[in-house]
C-alpha atoms as a PDB file:
ATOM      1  CA  MET A   1     -82.352  27.526   0.776  1.00  0.00           C
ATOM      2  CA  SER A   2     -83.334  29.282  -2.574  1.00  0.00           C
ATOM      3  CA  LEU A   3     -86.078  31.445  -2.592  1.00  0.00           C
ATOM      4  CA  VAL A   4     -87.966  28.320  -4.858  1.00  0.00           C
ATOM      5  CA  SER A   5     -87.337  25.627  -2.190  1.00  0.00           C
ATOM      6  CA  ASP A   6     -88.601  28.033   0.103  1.00  0.00           C
ATOM      7  CA  TRP A   7     -92.060  28.717  -1.965  1.00  0.00           C
ATOM      8  CA  MET A   8     -92.168  25.219  -2.435  1.00  0.00           C
ATOM      9  CA  ARG A   9     -92.116  23.996   1.364  1.00  0.00           C
ATOM     10  CA  LEU A  10     -95.032  26.338   1.912  1.00  0.00           C
ATOM     11  CA  MET A  11     -97.414  25.315  -1.138  1.00  0.00           C
ATOM     12  CA  THR A  12    -100.435  23.512  -0.229  1.00  0.00           C
ATOM     13  CA  ALA A  13    -103.106  22.351  -2.508  1.00  0.00           C
ATOM     14  CA  HIS A  14    -104.611  25.997  -3.180  1.00  0.00           C
ATOM     15  CA  ASP A  15    -101.323  26.503  -5.125  1.00  0.00           C
ATOM     16  CA  VAL A  16    -100.964  23.246  -6.610  1.00  0.00           C
ATOM     17  CA  ALA A  17    -104.559  24.408  -8.497  1.00  0.00           C
ATOM     18  CA  ARG A  18    -102.820  27.171  -9.618  1.00  0.00           C
ATOM     19  CA  LEU A  19     -99.855  25.641 -11.173  1.00  0.00           C
ATOM     20  CA  LEU A  20    -101.517  22.502 -12.662  1.00  0.00           C
ATOM     21  CA  PRO A  21    -101.791  22.179 -16.394  1.00  0.00           C
ATOM     22  CA  ASP A  22    -105.356  21.465 -17.944  1.00  0.00           C
ATOM     23  CA  ILE A  23    -107.017  17.989 -17.700  1.00  0.00           C
ATOM     24  CA  SER A  24    -105.412  16.735 -20.950  1.00  0.00           C
ATOM     25  CA  GLN A  25    -101.995  18.137 -20.522  1.00  0.00           C
ATOM     26  CA  LEU A  26    -102.293  16.447 -16.977  1.00  0.00           C
ATOM     27  CA  ARG A  27    -103.147  13.149 -18.210  1.00  0.00           C
ATOM     28  CA  GLY A  28    -100.483  13.148 -21.029  1.00  0.00           C
ATOM     29  CA  LEU A  29     -97.883  14.046 -18.332  1.00  0.00           C
ATOM     30  CA  CYS A  30     -99.058  11.315 -16.410  1.00  0.00           C
ATOM     31  CA  ARG A  31     -99.099   8.655 -19.441  1.00  0.00           C
ATOM     32  CA  SER A  32     -95.461   9.710 -20.185  1.00  0.00           C
ATOM     33  CA  MET A  33     -94.101   9.313 -16.334  1.00  0.00           C
ATOM     34  CA  ALA A  34     -95.587   5.821 -16.397  1.00  0.00           C
ATOM     35  CA  VAL A  35     -94.028   4.878 -19.470  1.00  0.00           C
ATOM     36  CA  LEU A  36     -90.482   6.261 -18.379  1.00  0.00           C
ATOM     37  CA  GLU A  37     -90.752   4.434 -15.141  1.00  0.00           C
ATOM     38  CA  ALA A  38     -91.983   1.265 -16.927  1.00  0.00           C
ATOM     39  CA  ILE A  39     -88.838   1.287 -19.200  1.00  0.00           C
ATOM     40  CA  LEU A  40     -86.330   2.271 -16.124  1.00  0.00           C
ATOM     41  CA  SER A  41     -88.037  -0.296 -13.887  1.00  0.00           C
ATOM     42  CA  PRO A  42     -89.100  -3.305 -15.496  1.00  0.00           C
ATOM     43  CA  GLU A  43     -90.461  -4.359 -12.108  1.00  0.00           C
ATOM     44  CA  TRP A  44     -93.576  -2.813 -10.907  1.00  0.00           C
ATOM     45  CA  SER A  45     -93.080  -2.478  -7.466  1.00  0.00           C
ATOM     46  CA  SER A  46     -90.316  -0.293  -7.612  1.00  0.00           C
ATOM     47  CA  ARG A  47     -92.218   2.434  -9.572  1.00  0.00           C
ATOM     48  CA  TYR A  48     -93.371   5.516  -8.296  1.00  0.00           C
ATOM     49  CA  HIS A  49     -96.063   6.030 -11.387  1.00  0.00           C
ATOM     50  CA  SER A  50     -98.168   4.073 -12.899  1.00  0.00           C
ATOM     51  CA  PHE A  51    -101.201   4.944 -15.364  1.00  0.00           C
ATOM     52  CA  ALA A  52    -104.132   2.116 -15.277  1.00  0.00           C
ATOM     53  CA  ALA A  53    -106.388   2.904 -18.783  1.00  0.00           C
ATOM     54  CA  GLY A  54    -108.932   0.206 -17.807  1.00  0.00           C
ATOM     55  CA  TRP A  55    -109.683   1.745 -14.242  1.00  0.00           C
ATOM     56  CA  GLY A  56    -113.117   1.531 -14.190  1.00  0.00           C
ATOM     57  CA  PRO A  57    -116.255   1.705 -16.466  1.00  0.00           C
ATOM     58  CA  GLY A  58    -115.418   4.797 -18.390  1.00  0.00           C
ATOM     59  CA  GLU A  59    -112.326   5.775 -16.058  1.00  0.00           C
ATOM     60  CA  GLU A  60    -108.426   6.103 -16.182  1.00  0.00           C
ATOM     61  CA  MET A  61    -106.356   6.533 -13.268  1.00  0.00           C
ATOM     62  CA  ALA A  62    -102.796   7.519 -13.068  1.00  0.00           C
ATOM     63  CA  SER A  63    -101.303   7.046  -9.664  1.00  0.00           C
ATOM     64  CA  MET A  64     -97.711   7.596  -7.730  1.00  0.00           C
ATOM     65  CA  SER A  65     -96.631   5.614  -4.762  1.00  0.00           C
ATOM     66  CA  ASN A  66     -93.164   6.294  -3.119  1.00  0.00           C
ATOM     67  CA  GLY A  67     -93.476   3.159  -1.130  1.00  0.00           C
ATOM     68  CA  SER A  68     -93.150   4.645   2.161  1.00  0.00           C
ATOM     69  CA  GLY A  69     -97.302   5.781   2.848  1.00  0.00           C
ATOM     70  CA  ASP A  70     -96.757   8.615   0.741  1.00  0.00           C
ATOM     71  CA  GLU A  71     -99.146   8.444  -2.693  1.00  0.00           C
ATOM     72  CA  TYR A  72    -101.803  10.160  -4.954  1.00  0.00           C
ATOM     73  CA  SER A  73    -104.262   9.046  -7.345  1.00  0.00           C
ATOM     74  CA  ILE A  74    -105.872  10.971 -10.309  1.00  0.00           C
ATOM     75  CA  VAL A  75    -109.158   9.611 -11.831  1.00  0.00           C
ATOM     76  CA  PHE A  76    -109.583  10.492 -15.532  1.00  0.00           C
ATOM     77  CA  SER A  77    -113.117   9.924 -17.041  1.00  0.00           C
ATOM     78  CA  VAL A  78    -115.443  12.206 -19.068  1.00  0.00           C
ATOM     79  CA  ALA A  79    -116.630  13.964 -16.315  1.00  0.00           C
ATOM     80  CA  GLY A  80    -113.347  15.501 -15.704  1.00  0.00           C
ATOM     81  CA  ALA A  81    -110.385  14.720 -12.933  1.00  0.00           C
ATOM     82  CA  TYR A  82    -110.594  14.303  -9.583  1.00  0.00           C
ATOM     83  CA  ILE A  83    -107.119  14.218  -7.307  1.00  0.00           C
ATOM     84  CA  ARG A  84    -106.436  12.554  -3.936  1.00  0.00           C
ATOM     85  CA  GLY A  85    -103.337  12.966  -2.561  1.00  0.00           C
ATOM     86  CA  PHE A  86    -102.258  11.356   0.676  1.00  0.00           C
ATOM     87  CA  ALA A  87     -98.598  12.540   2.747  1.00  0.00           C
ATOM     88  CA  HIS A  88     -98.405  10.295   5.682  1.00  0.00           C
ATOM     89  CA  GLU A  89     -96.786  12.586   7.789  1.00  0.00           C
ATOM     90  CA  ALA A  90     -98.294  15.606   7.024  1.00  0.00           C
ATOM     91  CA  VAL A  91    -100.182  17.651   9.952  1.00  0.00           C
ATOM     92  CA  MET A  92    -103.513  16.976   8.140  1.00  0.00           C
ATOM     93  CA  SER A  93    -103.852  13.427   8.180  1.00  0.00           C
ATOM     94  CA  PRO A  94    -107.068  12.024   8.859  1.00  0.00           C
ATOM     95  CA  TYR A  95    -105.208   9.592  11.451  1.00  0.00           C
ATOM     96  CA  GLY A  96    -104.349  12.508  14.037  1.00  0.00           C
ATOM     97  CA  ASN A  97    -107.669  14.545  13.287  1.00  0.00           C
ATOM     98  CA  ASP A  98    -110.268  12.183  13.497  1.00  0.00           C
ATOM     99  CA  GLY A  99    -110.943  11.909   9.992  1.00  0.00           C
ATOM    100  CA  PRO A 100    -110.163  13.933   7.031  1.00  0.00           C
ATOM    101  CA  TRP A 101    -109.145  17.946   7.556  1.00  0.00           C
ATOM    102  CA  PRO A 102    -112.074  20.129   7.680  1.00  0.00           C
ATOM    103  CA  GLY A 103    -113.002  21.729   4.345  1.00  0.00           C
ATOM    104  CA  VAL A 104    -110.550  19.285   2.685  1.00  0.00           C
ATOM    105  CA  LEU A 105    -113.552  16.971   1.003  1.00  0.00           C
ATOM    106  CA  ASP A 106    -116.648  18.813   1.964  1.00  0.00           C
ATOM    107  CA  SER A 107    -116.991  20.790  -1.418  1.00  0.00           C
ATOM    108  CA  VAL A 108    -116.207  17.971  -3.957  1.00  0.00           C
ATOM    109  CA  PRO A 109    -119.079  17.886  -6.127  1.00  0.00           C
ATOM    110  CA  GLN A 110    -121.489  15.227  -6.715  1.00  0.00           C
ATOM    111  CA  VAL A 111    -120.094  14.081  -9.620  1.00  0.00           C
ATOM    112  CA  PHE A 112    -116.831  13.070  -8.078  1.00  0.00           C
ATOM    113  CA  ARG A 113    -118.527  11.818  -4.848  1.00  0.00           C
ATOM    114  CA  HIS A 114    -118.127   8.510  -5.561  1.00  0.00           C
ATOM    115  CA  CYS A 115    -114.007   8.935  -5.686  1.00  0.00           C
ATOM    116  CA  VAL A 116    -113.989  10.000  -2.242  1.00  0.00           C
ATOM    117  CA  GLU A 117    -116.148   7.008  -1.206  1.00  0.00           C
ATOM    118  CA  GLU A 118    -114.114   4.669  -3.452  1.00  0.00           C
ATOM    119  CA  PRO A 119    -112.777   1.814  -1.844  1.00  0.00           C
ATOM    120  CA  ALA A 120    -109.454   1.810  -2.906  1.00  0.00           C
ATOM    121  CA  PHE A 121    -109.119   5.385  -1.593  1.00  0.00           C
ATOM    122  CA  CYS A 122    -110.297   4.472   2.021  1.00  0.00           C
ATOM    123  CA  ASP A 123    -109.092   2.512   4.764  1.00  0.00           C
ATOM    124  CA  GLU A 124    -110.735  -0.655   6.210  1.00  0.00           C
ATOM    125  CA  ASP A 125    -113.228   1.527   8.311  1.00  0.00           C
ATOM    126  CA  GLY A 126    -114.311   3.391   5.150  1.00  0.00           C
ATOM    127  CA  MET A 127    -112.302   6.483   6.148  1.00  0.00           C
ATOM    128  CA  PRO A 128    -110.969   8.726   3.007  1.00  0.00           C
ATOM    129  CA  ILE A 129    -107.073   8.349   2.996  1.00  0.00           C
ATOM    130  CA  VAL A 130    -106.365  12.094   2.011  1.00  0.00           C
ATOM    131  CA  THR A 131    -104.536  15.189   3.131  1.00  0.00           C
ATOM    132  CA  ALA A 132    -104.919  16.874  -0.220  1.00  0.00           C
ATOM    133  CA  CYS A 133    -107.825  17.058  -2.674  1.00  0.00           C
ATOM    134  CA  LEU A 134    -108.147  18.700  -5.738  1.00  0.00           C
ATOM    135  CA  TRP A 135    -110.920  18.197  -8.968  1.00  0.00           C
ATOM    136  CA  ARG A 136    -111.566  19.661 -11.996  1.00  0.00           C
ATOM    137  CA  ALA A 137    -114.917  19.213 -14.442  1.00  0.00           C
ATOM    138  CA  ALA A 138    -114.425  18.944 -17.940  1.00  0.00           C
ATOM    139  CA  ASN A 139    -116.138  22.252 -18.499  1.00  0.00           C
ATOM    140  CA  ASP A 140    -114.543  23.987 -15.778  1.00  0.00           C
ATOM    141  CA  GLN A 141    -111.223  26.691 -16.541  1.00  0.00           C
ATOM    142  CA  ARG A 142    -109.653  26.007 -13.666  1.00  0.00           C
ATOM    143  CA  TRP A 143    -109.129  23.542 -10.642  1.00  0.00           C
ATOM    144  CA  TRP A 144    -110.950  23.552  -7.585  1.00  0.00           C
ATOM    145  CA  VAL A 145    -109.656  22.980  -3.853  1.00  0.00           C
ATOM    146  CA  GLY A 146    -112.504  23.177  -0.975  1.00  0.00           C
ATOM    147  CA  GLU A 147    -112.201  25.942   1.823  1.00  0.00           C
ATOM    148  CA  ILE A 148    -109.117  25.019   4.068  1.00  0.00           C
ATOM    149  CA  ASP A 149    -108.346  26.550   7.366  1.00  0.00           C
ATOM    150  CA  TYR A 150    -104.756  25.390   7.321  1.00  0.00           C
ATOM    151  CA  PRO A 151    -102.656  25.066  10.502  1.00  0.00           C
ATOM    152  CA  ASP A 152    -100.289  28.358  11.221  1.00  0.00           C
ATOM    153  CA  GLY A 153     -96.600  28.051  11.060  1.00  0.00           C
ATOM    154  CA  VAL A 154     -96.357  24.358   9.096  1.00  0.00           C
ATOM    155  CA  SER A 155     -94.503  23.924   6.255  1.00  0.00           C
ATOM    156  CA  ASP A 156     -96.360  21.565   3.526  1.00  0.00           C
ATOM    157  CA  PRO A 157     -99.404  21.009   5.781  1.00  0.00           C
ATOM    158  CA  ASP A 158    -101.164  18.898   3.165  1.00  0.00           C
ATOM    159  CA  GLY A 159     -97.991  17.334   1.715  1.00  0.00           C
ATOM    160  CA  ALA A 160     -98.891  19.168  -1.797  1.00  0.00           C
ATOM    161  CA  ALA A 161     -95.494  20.283  -2.341  1.00  0.00           C
ATOM    162  CA  TYR A 162     -93.943  16.951  -2.462  1.00  0.00           C
ATOM    163  CA  LEU A 163     -96.910  14.819  -3.371  1.00  0.00           C
ATOM    164  CA  PHE A 164     -97.016  17.125  -6.766  1.00  0.00           C
ATOM    165  CA  ALA A 165     -93.766  18.322  -7.042  1.00  0.00           C
ATOM    166  CA  ARG A 166     -93.769  16.760 -10.940  1.00  0.00           C
ATOM    167  CA  LEU A 167     -96.898  17.929 -11.522  1.00  0.00           C
ATOM    168  CA  VAL A 168     -96.646  21.557 -11.448  1.00  0.00           C
ATOM    169  CA  ASP A 169     -93.430  21.232 -13.021  1.00  0.00           C
ATOM    170  CA  PRO A 170     -94.348  19.412 -16.158  1.00  0.00           C
ATOM    171  CA  ALA A 171     -90.760  19.814 -17.929  1.00  0.00           C
ATOM    172  CA  PRO A 172     -88.776  16.890 -19.071  1.00  0.00           C
ATOM    173  CA  GLU A 173     -85.846  17.953 -16.890  1.00  0.00           C
ATOM    174  CA  ALA A 174     -87.814  17.724 -13.767  1.00  0.00           C
ATOM    175  CA  PHE A 175     -88.404  13.780 -14.159  1.00  0.00           C
ATOM    176  CA  GLN A 176     -84.976  13.542 -15.533  1.00  0.00           C
ATOM    177  CA  ARG A 177     -83.531  14.918 -12.184  1.00  0.00           C
ATOM    178  CA  PHE A 178     -85.901  12.891 -10.292  1.00  0.00           C
ATOM    179  CA  ALA A 179     -85.428   9.843 -11.981  1.00  0.00           C
ATOM    180  CA  GLU A 180     -81.649   9.939 -11.652  1.00  0.00           C
ATOM    181  CA  ASP A 181     -82.057  10.653  -7.655  1.00  0.00           C
ATOM    182  CA  TYR A 182     -84.333   7.670  -7.612  1.00  0.00           C
ATOM    183  CA  TYR A 183     -82.774   5.079 -10.029  1.00  0.00           C
ATOM    184  CA  GLU A 184     -79.330   6.408  -9.061  1.00  0.00           C
ATOM    185  CA  VAL A 185     -78.563   5.920 -13.245  1.00  0.00           C
ATOM    186  CA  PRO A 186     -77.586   8.676 -15.894  1.00  0.00           C
ATOM    187  CA  VAL A 187     -81.194   9.230 -17.860  1.00  0.00           C
ATOM    188  CA  ASP A 188     -80.884  10.746 -21.368  1.00  0.00           C
ATOM    189  CA  LEU A 189     -82.636  14.002 -21.521  1.00  0.00           C
ATOM    190  CA  ASP A 190     -83.767  13.657 -25.271  1.00  0.00           C
ATOM    191  CA  ALA A 191     -85.257  10.088 -24.242  1.00  0.00           C
ATOM    192  CA  VAL A 192     -87.108  11.761 -21.896  1.00  0.00           C
ATOM    193  CA  ARG A 193     -88.171  14.435 -24.236  1.00  0.00           C
ATOM    194  CA  HIS A 194     -89.559  12.001 -26.950  1.00  0.00           C
ATOM    195  CA  VAL A 195     -91.580  10.271 -24.042  1.00  0.00           C
ATOM    196  CA  TYR A 196     -93.292  13.403 -22.714  1.00  0.00           C
ATOM    197  CA  ALA A 197     -93.979  14.669 -26.358  1.00  0.00           C
ATOM    198  CA  LEU A 198     -96.038  11.248 -26.579  1.00  0.00           C
ATOM    199  CA  ARG A 199     -94.330  10.385 -29.554  1.00  0.00           C
ATOM    200  CA  PRO A 200     -94.007   7.043 -30.721  1.00  0.00           C
ATOM    201  CA  LEU A 201     -91.954   4.746 -29.082  1.00  0.00           C
ATOM    202  CA  THR A 202     -89.262   2.944 -30.735  1.00  0.00           C
ATOM    203  CA  GLN A 203     -86.768   0.179 -29.579  1.00  0.00           C
ATOM    204  CA  ALA A 204     -84.225   2.831 -30.015  1.00  0.00           C
ATOM    205  CA  VAL A 205     -85.558   5.104 -27.623  1.00  0.00           C
ATOM    206  CA  VAL A 206     -86.190   2.299 -25.086  1.00  0.00           C
ATOM    207  CA  ALA A 207     -82.501   1.166 -25.529  1.00  0.00           C
ATOM    208  CA  THR A 208     -81.335   4.502 -24.459  1.00  0.00           C
ATOM    209  CA  LEU A 209     -82.888   4.712 -21.403  1.00  0.00           C
ATOM    210  CA  ASN A 210     -82.796   0.945 -20.338  1.00  0.00           C
ATOM    211  CA  ALA A 211     -80.823  -1.822 -22.630  1.00  0.00           C
ATOM    212  CA  ASP A 212     -82.874  -4.681 -20.916  1.00  0.00           C
ATOM    213  CA  PRO A 213     -86.437  -4.460 -22.001  1.00  0.00           C
ATOM    214  CA  SER A 214     -87.951  -4.768 -25.464  1.00  0.00           C
ATOM    215  CA  LEU A 215     -90.881  -2.981 -27.030  1.00  0.00           C
ATOM    216  CA  GLU A 216     -92.471  -6.368 -26.765  1.00  0.00           C
ATOM    217  CA  ASP A 217     -91.443  -6.562 -22.785  1.00  0.00           C
ATOM    218  CA  LEU A 218     -93.444  -3.277 -22.411  1.00  0.00           C
ATOM    219  CA  ALA A 219     -96.327  -4.203 -23.790  1.00  0.00           C
ATOM    220  CA  ASP A 220     -98.717  -4.365 -21.453  1.00  0.00           C
ATOM    221  CA  ASP A 221     -97.250  -1.081 -19.525  1.00  0.00           C
ATOM    222  CA  LEU A 222     -97.923   0.660 -23.160  1.00  0.00           C
ATOM    223  CA  ALA A 223    -101.456  -0.735 -23.397  1.00  0.00           C
ATOM    224  CA  ALA A 224    -102.162   0.711 -19.684  1.00  0.00           C
ATOM    225  CA  ALA A 225    -101.371   3.887 -20.558  1.00  0.00           C
ATOM    226  CA  ARG A 226    -102.701   4.160 -23.962  1.00  0.00           C
ATOM    227  CA  TYR A 227     -99.088   5.061 -25.624  1.00  0.00           C
ATOM    228  CA  PRO A 228     -98.442   4.162 -28.942  1.00  0.00           C
ATOM    229  CA  SER A 229     -95.122   2.168 -30.094  1.00  0.00           C
ATOM    230  CA  VAL A 230     -93.710   0.981 -33.330  1.00  0.00           C
ATOM    231  CA  VAL A 231     -91.420  -2.065 -33.446  1.00  0.00           C
ATOM    232  CA  ARG A 232     -87.840  -1.101 -34.881  1.00  0.00           C
END
């Protein structure tokens, strides 16, 4: 195993906080990944990444779900951004510890407390489903994480290394590797770069990634991501 792989396995939310792009760049990255997956996978249920511009009043939400119980949600608003991640096999799972791991949610500021209590991010008993949490107010200069005593001798204790791998490596090549592995098809790197740059989407770019969908087919997904398109 490479040194990079070893380091990634030992990553926690505190390491992620140092590597994440700022709010604007993170939002753009999330929009791009959602659009790329909409092109590659017309079936919404098969996608990892999605983006909902109309999540709530004045709020947008980016999300990831691998279909096996691992997920994250990122709420963007004028207040800033709130990130909730859940890795179902992580030792810091609330289901193995009578609730969220100490420190994960304790320091979340009041402006984001409604996200902690959001029913979509809690189970049927109202317990937050979370193993990693980060936040950044609009005027902050960095991302924040609570004061946490991580369990000793455990790789990826909060799931952060797996959950946020593509967020801390915002290069088009990282998405290309993910998509080729997941969808088992060649993925054109220039097309990924086009979408990552948030350049207007054309039918030619769509066809390079997937010959089946048209821009019209993607209209709802493009609107959800507030992504520009031109008919061509």
